[in-house]
Amino acid sequence: MSLQMHLSELERKHQALEREIQDAMAHPSVDDLKIVELKRKKLHLKDEIAKLRQASNRVVH
């Protein structure tokens, strides 16, 4: 898988987690711990995306 394809996949997952978090927050019956876990996963993806972008910028320059 190319770096760009991998980045696109991570961004897609990041957006999906954002939607899932919004849906969970809209339903008061959802456990707060679940929301925290979803946010943690989203942050992890964001960090991974940033690292890959930084690495790809080093390769290009």
C-alpha atoms as a PDB file:
ATOM      1  CA  MET A   1       0.000   0.000   0.000  1.00  0.00           C
ATOM      2  CA  SER A   2       1.411   3.378  -0.958  1.00  0.00           C
ATOM      3  CA  LEU A   3       1.918   6.064   1.645  1.00  0.00           C
ATOM      4  CA  GLN A   4      -0.824   8.201   0.111  1.00  0.00           C
ATOM      5  CA  MET A   5      -3.277   5.295   0.133  1.00  0.00           C
ATOM      6  CA  HIS A   6      -2.404   4.560   3.756  1.00  0.00           C
ATOM      7  CA  LEU A   7      -2.938   8.222   4.684  1.00  0.00           C
ATOM      8  CA  SER A   8      -6.296   8.233   2.902  1.00  0.00           C
ATOM      9  CA  GLU A   9      -7.390   5.126   4.777  1.00  0.00           C
ATOM     10  CA  LEU A  10      -6.360   6.608   8.133  1.00  0.00           C
ATOM     11  CA  GLU A  11      -8.205   9.845   7.322  1.00  0.00           C
ATOM     12  CA  ARG A  12     -11.305   7.853   6.404  1.00  0.00           C
ATOM     13  CA  LYS A  13     -11.142   6.004   9.722  1.00  0.00           C
ATOM     14  CA  HIS A  14     -10.604   9.311  11.554  1.00  0.00           C
ATOM     15  CA  GLN A  15     -13.730  10.795   9.954  1.00  0.00           C
ATOM     16  CA  ALA A  16     -15.732   7.662  10.750  1.00  0.00           C
ATOM     17  CA  LEU A  17     -14.687   7.886  14.397  1.00  0.00           C
ATOM     18  CA  GLU A  18     -15.729  11.546  14.464  1.00  0.00           C
ATOM     19  CA  ARG A  19     -19.197  10.583  13.224  1.00  0.00           C
ATOM     20  CA  GLU A  20     -19.397   7.743  15.743  1.00  0.00           C
ATOM     21  CA  ILE A  21     -18.424  10.114  18.577  1.00  0.00           C
ATOM     22  CA  GLN A  22     -21.052  12.644  17.499  1.00  0.00           C
ATOM     23  CA  ASP A  23     -23.703   9.914  17.356  1.00  0.00           C
ATOM     24  CA  ALA A  24     -22.702   8.577  20.773  1.00  0.00           C
ATOM     25  CA  MET A  25     -22.790  12.039  22.332  1.00  0.00           C
ATOM     26  CA  ALA A  26     -26.275  12.607  20.921  1.00  0.00           C
ATOM     27  CA  HIS A  27     -27.579   9.584  22.849  1.00  0.00           C
ATOM     28  CA  PRO A  28     -27.441  10.037  26.626  1.00  0.00           C
ATOM     29  CA  SER A  29     -27.670   6.283  27.136  1.00  0.00           C
ATOM     30  CA  VAL A  30     -24.160   5.769  25.734  1.00  0.00           C
ATOM     31  CA  ASP A  31     -21.533   5.145  28.407  1.00  0.00           C
ATOM     32  CA  ASP A  32     -19.073   8.010  28.911  1.00  0.00           C
ATOM     33  CA  LEU A  33     -16.205   5.514  28.955  1.00  0.00           C
ATOM     34  CA  LYS A  34     -17.117   4.441  25.425  1.00  0.00           C
ATOM     35  CA  ILE A  35     -16.955   8.056  24.262  1.00  0.00           C
ATOM     36  CA  VAL A  36     -13.578   8.497  25.955  1.00  0.00           C
ATOM     37  CA  GLU A  37     -12.270   5.364  24.230  1.00  0.00           C
ATOM     38  CA  LEU A  38     -13.522   6.570  20.837  1.00  0.00           C
ATOM     39  CA  LYS A  39     -11.833   9.937  21.362  1.00  0.00           C
ATOM     40  CA  ARG A  40      -8.599   8.179  22.354  1.00  0.00           C
ATOM     41  CA  LYS A  41      -8.691   6.117  19.142  1.00  0.00           C
ATOM     42  CA  LYS A  42      -9.384   9.247  17.101  1.00  0.00           C
ATOM     43  CA  LEU A  43      -6.447  11.062  18.701  1.00  0.00           C
ATOM     44  CA  HIS A  44      -4.177   8.078  18.039  1.00  0.00           C
ATOM     45  CA  LEU A  45      -5.185   8.143  14.361  1.00  0.00           C
ATOM     46  CA  LYS A  46      -4.613  11.905  14.206  1.00  0.00           C
ATOM     47  CA  ASP A  47      -1.095  11.443  15.629  1.00  0.00           C
ATOM     48  CA  GLU A  48      -0.335   8.657  13.161  1.00  0.00           C
ATOM     49  CA  ILE A  49      -1.593  10.785  10.251  1.00  0.00           C
ATOM     50  CA  ALA A  50       0.598  13.696  11.371  1.00  0.00           C
ATOM     51  CA  LYS A  51       3.673  11.450  11.624  1.00  0.00           C
ATOM     52  CA  LEU A  52       3.098   9.997   8.157  1.00  0.00           C
ATOM     53  CA  ARG A  53       2.569  13.441   6.641  1.00  0.00           C
ATOM     54  CA  GLN A  54       5.762  14.659   8.273  1.00  0.00           C
ATOM     55  CA  ALA A  55       7.646  11.623   6.981  1.00  0.00           C
ATOM     56  CA  SER A  56       6.252  12.095   3.473  1.00  0.00           C
ATOM     57  CA  ASN A  57       7.294  15.764   3.520  1.00  0.00           C
ATOM     58  CA  ARG A  58      10.850  14.749   4.400  1.00  0.00           C
ATOM     59  CA  VAL A  59      10.904  12.326   1.485  1.00  0.00           C
ATOM     60  CA  VAL A  60       9.578  14.941  -0.966  1.00  0.00           C
ATOM     61  CA  HIS A  61      11.988  17.692   0.091  1.00  0.00           C
END
